[in-house]
Amino acid sequence: MSIDALSDTVLLGYLRTQKLPVAPKPTGEANLRELQRLAHKGRYYRLCGERLYKRHVIHRLTASYTPQTNGQVERLVGVMVDGLRKMVN
């Protein structure tokens, strides 16, 4: 199953049940995949950027671990979580 098909399946499942999916506990294999993903960061970002481009989403990269970008991300995540809570409740 492609990543796009998996994303669409998860989204349709949420729309049907109004419940967010729960991720299973990571296994050793999942942890290894995460390490590989971090090791091949450039390839991952390229693939992610291509998926976002297909969906007309602007993918901006910033310098990592700076107070300015960390604060912006924390605020964005907070806004998204609040929006999801309102949708679910």
PDB file of N, CA and C in Angstrom:
ATOM      1  N   MET A   1       0.852  -1.175   0.000  1.00  0.00           N
ATOM      2  CA  MET A   1       0.000   0.000   0.000  1.00  0.00           C
ATOM      3  C   MET A   1       0.896   1.235   0.000  1.00  0.00           C
ATOM      4  N   SER A   2       0.613   2.191  -0.856  1.00  0.00           N
ATOM      5  CA  SER A   2       1.428   3.397  -0.933  1.00  0.00           C
ATOM      6  C   SER A   2       1.136   4.302   0.260  1.00  0.00           C
ATOM      7  N   ILE A   3       2.029   5.247   0.476  1.00  0.00           N
ATOM      8  CA  ILE A   3       1.855   6.174   1.594  1.00  0.00           C
ATOM      9  C   ILE A   3       0.604   7.016   1.388  1.00  0.00           C
ATOM     10  N   ASP A   4       0.357   7.455   0.143  1.00  0.00           N
ATOM     11  CA  ASP A   4      -0.841   8.253  -0.136  1.00  0.00           C
ATOM     12  C   ASP A   4      -2.106   7.462   0.161  1.00  0.00           C
ATOM     13  N   ALA A   5      -2.132   6.197  -0.235  1.00  0.00           N
ATOM     14  CA  ALA A   5      -3.309   5.358   0.016  1.00  0.00           C
ATOM     15  C   ALA A   5      -3.501   5.152   1.513  1.00  0.00           C
ATOM     16  N   LEU A   6      -2.393   4.964   2.239  1.00  0.00           N
ATOM     17  CA  LEU A   6      -2.481   4.796   3.692  1.00  0.00           C
ATOM     18  C   LEU A   6      -3.016   6.065   4.344  1.00  0.00           C
ATOM     19  N   SER A   7      -2.524   7.234   3.919  1.00  0.00           N
ATOM     20  CA  SER A   7      -3.007   8.504   4.464  1.00  0.00           C
ATOM     21  C   SER A   7      -4.495   8.670   4.208  1.00  0.00           C
ATOM     22  N   ASP A   8      -4.922   8.349   2.999  1.00  0.00           N
ATOM     23  CA  ASP A   8      -6.340   8.460   2.659  1.00  0.00           C
ATOM     24  C   ASP A   8      -7.179   7.492   3.486  1.00  0.00           C
ATOM     25  N   THR A   9      -6.664   6.281   3.730  1.00  0.00           N
ATOM     26  CA  THR A   9      -7.382   5.290   4.530  1.00  0.00           C
ATOM     27  C   THR A   9      -7.558   5.780   5.961  1.00  0.00           C
ATOM     28  N   VAL A  10      -6.506   6.350   6.534  1.00  0.00           N
ATOM     29  CA  VAL A  10      -6.574   6.867   7.903  1.00  0.00           C
ATOM     30  C   VAL A  10      -7.570   8.021   7.971  1.00  0.00           C
ATOM     31  N   LEU A  11      -7.529   8.923   6.994  1.00  0.00           N
ATOM     32  CA  LEU A  11      -8.448  10.059   6.985  1.00  0.00           C
ATOM     33  C   LEU A  11      -9.895   9.599   6.848  1.00  0.00           C
ATOM     34  N   LEU A  12     -10.149   8.665   5.948  1.00  0.00           N
ATOM     35  CA  LEU A  12     -11.512   8.162   5.777  1.00  0.00           C
ATOM     36  C   LEU A  12     -11.995   7.445   7.036  1.00  0.00           C
ATOM     37  N   GLY A  13     -11.090   6.706   7.684  1.00  0.00           N
ATOM     38  CA  GLY A  13     -11.449   6.033   8.931  1.00  0.00           C
ATOM     39  C   GLY A  13     -11.846   7.033  10.006  1.00  0.00           C
ATOM     40  N   TYR A  14     -11.110   8.144  10.082  1.00  0.00           N
ATOM     41  CA  TYR A  14     -11.456   9.173  11.063  1.00  0.00           C
ATOM     42  C   TYR A  14     -12.811   9.799  10.740  1.00  0.00           C
ATOM     43  N   LEU A  15     -13.034  10.123   9.478  1.00  0.00           N
ATOM     44  CA  LEU A  15     -14.303  10.743   9.102  1.00  0.00           C
ATOM     45  C   LEU A  15     -15.482   9.813   9.388  1.00  0.00           C
ATOM     46  N   ARG A  16     -15.259   8.513   9.225  1.00  0.00           N
ATOM     47  CA  ARG A  16     -16.327   7.542   9.444  1.00  0.00           C
ATOM     48  C   ARG A  16     -16.610   7.348  10.939  1.00  0.00           C
ATOM     49  N   THR A  17     -15.557   7.266  11.759  1.00  0.00           N
ATOM     50  CA  THR A  17     -15.729   6.940  13.179  1.00  0.00           C
ATOM     51  C   THR A  17     -15.624   8.139  14.113  1.00  0.00           C
ATOM     52  N   GLN A  18     -15.071   9.244  13.634  1.00  0.00           N
ATOM     53  CA  GLN A  18     -14.819  10.434  14.452  1.00  0.00           C
ATOM     54  C   GLN A  18     -13.873  10.124  15.609  1.00  0.00           C
ATOM     55  N   LYS A  19     -13.002   9.124  15.441  1.00  0.00           N
ATOM     56  CA  LYS A  19     -12.002   8.781  16.451  1.00  0.00           C
ATOM     57  C   LYS A  19     -10.633   8.832  15.798  1.00  0.00           C
ATOM     58  N   LEU A  20      -9.694   9.444  16.503  1.00  0.00           N
ATOM     59  CA  LEU A  20      -8.339   9.515  15.982  1.00  0.00           C
ATOM     60  C   LEU A  20      -7.670   8.155  16.118  1.00  0.00           C
ATOM     61  N   PRO A  21      -6.843   7.773  15.147  1.00  0.00           N
ATOM     62  CA  PRO A  21      -6.167   6.482  15.250  1.00  0.00           C
ATOM     63  C   PRO A  21      -5.147   6.497  16.386  1.00  0.00           C
ATOM     64  N   VAL A  22      -4.983   5.372  17.026  1.00  0.00           N
ATOM     65  CA  VAL A  22      -4.014   5.226  18.106  1.00  0.00           C
ATOM     66  C   VAL A  22      -2.840   4.431  17.558  1.00  0.00           C
ATOM     67  N   ALA A  23      -1.666   4.995  17.716  1.00  0.00           N
ATOM     68  CA  ALA A  23      -0.474   4.324  17.209  1.00  0.00           C
ATOM     69  C   ALA A  23      -0.107   3.166  18.133  1.00  0.00           C
ATOM     70  N   PRO A  24       0.279   2.034  17.560  1.00  0.00           N
ATOM     71  CA  PRO A  24       0.715   0.915  18.399  1.00  0.00           C
ATOM     72  C   PRO A  24       2.051   1.234  19.054  1.00  0.00           C
ATOM     73  N   LYS A  25       2.349   0.527  20.137  1.00  0.00           N
ATOM     74  CA  LYS A  25       3.638   0.720  20.791  1.00  0.00           C
ATOM     75  C   LYS A  25       4.746   0.355  19.808  1.00  0.00           C
ATOM     76  N   PRO A  26       5.809   1.165  19.774  1.00  0.00           N
ATOM     77  CA  PRO A  26       6.874   0.874  18.821  1.00  0.00           C
ATOM     78  C   PRO A  26       7.607  -0.417  19.169  1.00  0.00           C
ATOM     79  N   THR A  27       7.946  -1.155  18.156  1.00  0.00           N
ATOM     80  CA  THR A  27       8.725  -2.378  18.325  1.00  0.00           C
ATOM     81  C   THR A  27      10.177  -2.075  18.009  1.00  0.00           C
ATOM     82  N   GLY A  28      11.024  -3.042  18.212  1.00  0.00           N
ATOM     83  CA  GLY A  28      12.427  -2.868  17.860  1.00  0.00           C
ATOM     84  C   GLY A  28      12.591  -2.548  16.386  1.00  0.00           C
ATOM     85  N   GLU A  29      11.787  -3.205  15.559  1.00  0.00           N
ATOM     86  CA  GLU A  29      11.852  -2.958  14.117  1.00  0.00           C
ATOM     87  C   GLU A  29      11.426  -1.528  13.795  1.00  0.00           C
ATOM     88  N   ALA A  30      10.386  -1.047  14.471  1.00  0.00           N
ATOM     89  CA  ALA A  30       9.924   0.325  14.239  1.00  0.00           C
ATOM     90  C   ALA A  30      10.983   1.331  14.676  1.00  0.00           C
ATOM     91  N   ASN A  31      11.641   1.051  15.799  1.00  0.00           N
ATOM     92  CA  ASN A  31      12.707   1.942  16.253  1.00  0.00           C
ATOM     93  C   ASN A  31      13.855   1.966  15.260  1.00  0.00           C
ATOM     94  N   LEU A  32      14.174   0.818  14.685  1.00  0.00           N
ATOM     95  CA  LEU A  32      15.241   0.754  13.692  1.00  0.00           C
ATOM     96  C   LEU A  32      14.864   1.556  12.452  1.00  0.00           C
ATOM     97  N   ARG A  33      13.606   1.441  12.016  1.00  0.00           N
ATOM     98  CA  ARG A  33      13.153   2.224  10.859  1.00  0.00           C
ATOM     99  C   ARG A  33      13.250   3.717  11.149  1.00  0.00           C
ATOM    100  N   GLU A  34      12.916   4.104  12.387  1.00  0.00           N
ATOM    101  CA  GLU A  34      13.003   5.520  12.762  1.00  0.00           C
ATOM    102  C   GLU A  34      14.451   5.996  12.696  1.00  0.00           C
ATOM    103  N   LEU A  35      15.366   5.175  13.182  1.00  0.00           N
ATOM    104  CA  LEU A  35      16.777   5.541  13.107  1.00  0.00           C
ATOM    105  C   LEU A  35      17.234   5.651  11.657  1.00  0.00           C
ATOM    106  N   GLN A  36      16.783   4.731  10.817  1.00  0.00           N
ATOM    107  CA  GLN A  36      17.147   4.797   9.404  1.00  0.00           C
ATOM    108  C   GLN A  36      16.569   6.048   8.768  1.00  0.00           C
ATOM    109  N   ARG A  37      15.353   6.394   9.148  1.00  0.00           N
ATOM    110  CA  ARG A  37      14.728   7.591   8.594  1.00  0.00           C
ATOM    111  C   ARG A  37      15.535   8.823   8.985  1.00  0.00           C
ATOM    112  N   LEU A  38      15.979   8.870  10.245  1.00  0.00           N
ATOM    113  CA  LEU A  38      16.781  10.001  10.682  1.00  0.00           C
ATOM    114  C   LEU A  38      18.135  10.016   9.989  1.00  0.00           C
ATOM    115  N   ALA A  39      18.691   8.850   9.741  1.00  0.00           N
ATOM    116  CA  ALA A  39      19.985   8.774   9.076  1.00  0.00           C
ATOM    117  C   ALA A  39      19.886   9.219   7.620  1.00  0.00           C
ATOM    118  N   HIS A  40      18.762   8.958   6.978  1.00  0.00           N
ATOM    119  CA  HIS A  40      18.572   9.324   5.576  1.00  0.00           C
ATOM    120  C   HIS A  40      17.647  10.531   5.478  1.00  0.00           C
ATOM    121  N   LYS A  41      17.962  11.530   6.271  1.00  0.00           N
ATOM    122  CA  LYS A  41      17.096  12.689   6.407  1.00  0.00           C
ATOM    123  C   LYS A  41      16.792  13.361   5.064  1.00  0.00           C
ATOM    124  N   GLY A  42      17.788  13.521   4.230  1.00  0.00           N
ATOM    125  CA  GLY A  42      17.565  14.191   2.951  1.00  0.00           C
ATOM    126  C   GLY A  42      16.544  13.468   2.096  1.00  0.00           C
ATOM    127  N   ARG A  43      16.645  12.158   2.001  1.00  0.00           N
ATOM    128  CA  ARG A  43      15.710  11.369   1.199  1.00  0.00           C
ATOM    129  C   ARG A  43      14.303  11.470   1.779  1.00  0.00           C
ATOM    130  N   TYR A  44      14.191  11.414   3.099  1.00  0.00           N
ATOM    131  CA  TYR A  44      12.881  11.498   3.744  1.00  0.00           C
ATOM    132  C   TYR A  44      12.230  12.850   3.453  1.00  0.00           C
ATOM    133  N   TYR A  45      12.985  13.927   3.606  1.00  0.00           N
ATOM    134  CA  TYR A  45      12.416  15.252   3.365  1.00  0.00           C
ATOM    135  C   TYR A  45      12.020  15.431   1.908  1.00  0.00           C
ATOM    136  N   ARG A  46      12.788  14.846   1.000  1.00  0.00           N
ATOM    137  CA  ARG A  46      12.447  14.947  -0.424  1.00  0.00           C
ATOM    138  C   ARG A  46      11.129  14.232  -0.692  1.00  0.00           C
ATOM    139  N   LEU A  47      10.974  13.014  -0.168  1.00  0.00           N
ATOM    140  CA  LEU A  47       9.730  12.264  -0.365  1.00  0.00           C
ATOM    141  C   LEU A  47       8.550  12.973   0.293  1.00  0.00           C
ATOM    142  N   CYS A  48       8.764  13.476   1.485  1.00  0.00           N
ATOM    143  CA  CYS A  48       7.704  14.197   2.187  1.00  0.00           C
ATOM    144  C   CYS A  48       7.325  15.449   1.403  1.00  0.00           C
ATOM    145  N   GLY A  49       8.323  16.168   0.913  1.00  0.00           N
ATOM    146  CA  GLY A  49       8.063  17.370   0.131  1.00  0.00           C
ATOM    147  C   GLY A  49       7.275  17.079  -1.132  1.00  0.00           C
ATOM    148  N   GLU A  50       7.581  15.957  -1.788  1.00  0.00           N
ATOM    149  CA  GLU A  50       6.849  15.577  -3.003  1.00  0.00           C
ATOM    150  C   GLU A  50       5.380  15.302  -2.678  1.00  0.00           C
ATOM    151  N   ARG A  51       5.113  14.594  -1.581  1.00  0.00           N
ATOM    152  CA  ARG A  51       3.724  14.300  -1.190  1.00  0.00           C
ATOM    153  C   ARG A  51       2.970  15.582  -0.881  1.00  0.00           C
ATOM    154  N   LEU A  52       3.627  16.492  -0.166  1.00  0.00           N
ATOM    155  CA  LEU A  52       2.964  17.746   0.178  1.00  0.00           C
ATOM    156  C   LEU A  52       2.703  18.584  -1.068  1.00  0.00           C
ATOM    157  N   TYR A  53       3.658  18.585  -1.999  1.00  0.00           N
ATOM    158  CA  TYR A  53       3.496  19.349  -3.238  1.00  0.00           C
ATOM    159  C   TYR A  53       2.289  18.854  -4.023  1.00  0.00           C
ATOM    160  N   LYS A  54       2.098  17.538  -4.055  1.00  0.00           N
ATOM    161  CA  LYS A  54       0.945  16.974  -4.762  1.00  0.00           C
ATOM    162  C   LYS A  54      -0.365  17.445  -4.142  1.00  0.00           C
ATOM    163  N   ARG A  55      -0.344  17.736  -2.843  1.00  0.00           N
ATOM    164  CA  ARG A  55      -1.555  18.177  -2.146  1.00  0.00           C
ATOM    165  C   ARG A  55      -1.627  19.708  -2.035  1.00  0.00           C
ATOM    166  N   HIS A  56      -0.733  20.396  -2.757  1.00  0.00           N
ATOM    167  CA  HIS A  56      -0.691  21.863  -2.797  1.00  0.00           C
ATOM    168  C   HIS A  56      -0.423  22.471  -1.420  1.00  0.00           C
ATOM    169  N   VAL A  57       0.472  21.813  -0.662  1.00  0.00           N
ATOM    170  CA  VAL A  57       0.873  22.309   0.652  1.00  0.00           C
ATOM    171  C   VAL A  57       2.293  22.834   0.530  1.00  0.00           C
ATOM    172  N   ILE A  58       2.534  24.017   1.083  1.00  0.00           N
ATOM    173  CA  ILE A  58       3.873  24.599   1.041  1.00  0.00           C
ATOM    174  C   ILE A  58       4.700  23.976   2.164  1.00  0.00           C
ATOM    175  N   HIS A  59       5.833  23.393   1.812  1.00  0.00           N
ATOM    176  CA  HIS A  59       6.709  22.717   2.770  1.00  0.00           C
ATOM    177  C   HIS A  59       7.936  23.595   2.967  1.00  0.00           C
ATOM    178  N   ARG A  60       8.035  24.246   4.131  1.00  0.00           N
ATOM    179  CA  ARG A  60       9.164  25.123   4.401  1.00  0.00           C
ATOM    180  C   ARG A  60      10.066  24.476   5.442  1.00  0.00           C
ATOM    181  N   LEU A  61      11.351  24.488   5.186  1.00  0.00           N
ATOM    182  CA  LEU A  61      12.329  23.962   6.131  1.00  0.00           C
ATOM    183  C   LEU A  61      12.972  25.137   6.858  1.00  0.00           C
ATOM    184  N   THR A  62      13.259  24.946   8.132  1.00  0.00           N
ATOM    185  CA  THR A  62      13.893  25.993   8.930  1.00  0.00           C
ATOM    186  C   THR A  62      15.115  25.409   9.613  1.00  0.00           C
ATOM    187  N   ALA A  63      15.906  26.287  10.202  1.00  0.00           N
ATOM    188  CA  ALA A  63      17.049  25.825  10.982  1.00  0.00           C
ATOM    189  C   ALA A  63      16.522  25.081  12.205  1.00  0.00           C
ATOM    190  N   SER A  64      17.138  23.965  12.521  1.00  0.00           N
ATOM    191  CA  SER A  64      16.631  23.162  13.638  1.00  0.00           C
ATOM    192  C   SER A  64      17.186  23.651  14.969  1.00  0.00           C
ATOM    193  N   TYR A  65      16.394  23.435  16.004  1.00  0.00           N
ATOM    194  CA  TYR A  65      16.771  23.705  17.391  1.00  0.00           C
ATOM    195  C   TYR A  65      17.137  25.167  17.646  1.00  0.00           C
ATOM    196  N   THR A  66      16.364  26.083  17.108  1.00  0.00           N
ATOM    197  CA  THR A  66      16.538  27.489  17.451  1.00  0.00           C
ATOM    198  C   THR A  66      15.297  27.926  18.227  1.00  0.00           C
ATOM    199  N   PRO A  67      15.451  28.825  19.181  1.00  0.00           N
ATOM    200  CA  PRO A  67      14.292  29.242  19.979  1.00  0.00           C
ATOM    201  C   PRO A  67      13.149  29.803  19.131  1.00  0.00           C
ATOM    202  N   GLN A  68      13.482  30.532  18.069  1.00  0.00           N
ATOM    203  CA  GLN A  68      12.437  31.134  17.246  1.00  0.00           C
ATOM    204  C   GLN A  68      11.586  30.071  16.563  1.00  0.00           C
ATOM    205  N   THR A  69      12.229  29.109  15.916  1.00  0.00           N
ATOM    206  CA  THR A  69      11.452  28.096  15.199  1.00  0.00           C
ATOM    207  C   THR A  69      10.781  27.131  16.163  1.00  0.00           C
ATOM    208  N   ASN A  70      11.416  26.821  17.290  1.00  0.00           N
ATOM    209  CA  ASN A  70      10.781  25.931  18.262  1.00  0.00           C
ATOM    210  C   ASN A  70       9.500  26.556  18.807  1.00  0.00           C
ATOM    211  N   GLY A  71       9.515  27.851  19.090  1.00  0.00           N
ATOM    212  CA  GLY A  71       8.329  28.527  19.593  1.00  0.00           C
ATOM    213  C   GLY A  71       7.212  28.549  18.566  1.00  0.00           C
ATOM    214  N   GLN A  72       7.564  28.778  17.307  1.00  0.00           N
ATOM    215  CA  GLN A  72       6.562  28.795  16.246  1.00  0.00           C
ATOM    216  C   GLN A  72       5.920  27.424  16.100  1.00  0.00           C
ATOM    217  N   VAL A  73       6.728  26.386  16.153  1.00  0.00           N
ATOM    218  CA  VAL A  73       6.206  25.029  16.002  1.00  0.00           C
ATOM    219  C   VAL A  73       5.319  24.673  17.184  1.00  0.00           C
ATOM    220  N   GLU A  74       5.751  25.000  18.393  1.00  0.00           N
ATOM    221  CA  GLU A  74       4.938  24.697  19.575  1.00  0.00           C
ATOM    222  C   GLU A  74       3.582  25.390  19.481  1.00  0.00           C
ATOM    223  N   ARG A  75       3.556  26.622  19.029  1.00  0.00           N
ATOM    224  CA  ARG A  75       2.295  27.356  18.899  1.00  0.00           C
ATOM    225  C   ARG A  75       1.412  26.713  17.836  1.00  0.00           C
ATOM    226  N   LEU A  76       2.009  26.345  16.696  1.00  0.00           N
ATOM    227  CA  LEU A  76       1.250  25.711  15.621  1.00  0.00           C
ATOM    228  C   LEU A  76       0.642  24.391  16.095  1.00  0.00           C
ATOM    229  N   VAL A  77       1.428  23.592  16.796  1.00  0.00           N
ATOM    230  CA  VAL A  77       0.926  22.311  17.302  1.00  0.00           C
ATOM    231  C   VAL A  77      -0.215  22.553  18.289  1.00  0.00           C
ATOM    232  N   GLY A  78      -0.071  23.563  19.145  1.00  0.00           N
ATOM    233  CA  GLY A  78      -1.136  23.879  20.094  1.00  0.00           C
ATOM    234  C   GLY A  78      -2.431  24.268  19.397  1.00  0.00           C
ATOM    235  N   VAL A  79      -2.325  25.068  18.343  1.00  0.00           N
ATOM    236  CA  VAL A  79      -3.514  25.475  17.586  1.00  0.00           C
ATOM    237  C   VAL A  79      -4.159  24.262  16.925  1.00  0.00           C
ATOM    238  N   MET A  80      -3.337  23.366  16.362  1.00  0.00           N
ATOM    239  CA  MET A  80      -3.873  22.175  15.702  1.00  0.00           C
ATOM    240  C   MET A  80      -4.565  21.258  16.711  1.00  0.00           C
ATOM    241  N   VAL A  81      -3.962  21.070  17.874  1.00  0.00           N
ATOM    242  CA  VAL A  81      -4.554  20.201  18.901  1.00  0.00           C
ATOM    243  C   VAL A  81      -5.882  20.785  19.377  1.00  0.00           C
ATOM    244  N   ASP A  82      -5.928  22.098  19.593  1.00  0.00           N
ATOM    245  CA  ASP A  82      -7.189  22.732  20.005  1.00  0.00           C
ATOM    246  C   ASP A  82      -8.268  22.534  18.950  1.00  0.00           C
ATOM    247  N   GLY A  83      -7.909  22.688  17.682  1.00  0.00           N
ATOM    248  CA  GLY A  83      -8.874  22.492  16.604  1.00  0.00           C
ATOM    249  C   GLY A  83      -9.391  21.068  16.551  1.00  0.00           C
ATOM    250  N   LEU A  84      -8.487  20.095  16.720  1.00  0.00           N
ATOM    251  CA  LEU A  84      -8.905  18.690  16.714  1.00  0.00           C
ATOM    252  C   LEU A  84      -9.814  18.377  17.900  1.00  0.00           C
ATOM    253  N   ARG A  85      -9.491  18.943  19.059  1.00  0.00           N
ATOM    254  CA  ARG A  85     -10.343  18.715  20.235  1.00  0.00           C
ATOM    255  C   ARG A  85     -11.753  19.235  19.994  1.00  0.00           C
ATOM    256  N   LYS A  86     -11.858  20.395  19.374  1.00  0.00           N
ATOM    257  CA  LYS A  86     -13.179  20.963  19.095  1.00  0.00           C
ATOM    258  C   LYS A  86     -13.943  20.111  18.094  1.00  0.00           C
ATOM    259  N   MET A  87     -13.225  19.533  17.118  1.00  0.00           N
ATOM    260  CA  MET A  87     -13.883  18.683  16.126  1.00  0.00           C
ATOM    261  C   MET A  87     -14.380  17.389  16.758  1.00  0.00           C
ATOM    262  N   VAL A  88     -13.594  16.824  17.676  1.00  0.00           N
ATOM    263  CA  VAL A  88     -13.930  15.536  18.275  1.00  0.00           C
ATOM    264  C   VAL A  88     -15.039  15.688  19.311  1.00  0.00           C
ATOM    265  N   ASN A  89     -14.999  16.753  20.085  1.00  0.00           N
ATOM    266  CA  ASN A  89     -15.995  16.940  21.162  1.00  0.00           C
ATOM    267  C   ASN A  89     -17.216  17.653  20.699  1.00  0.00           C
TER     268      ASN A  89
END
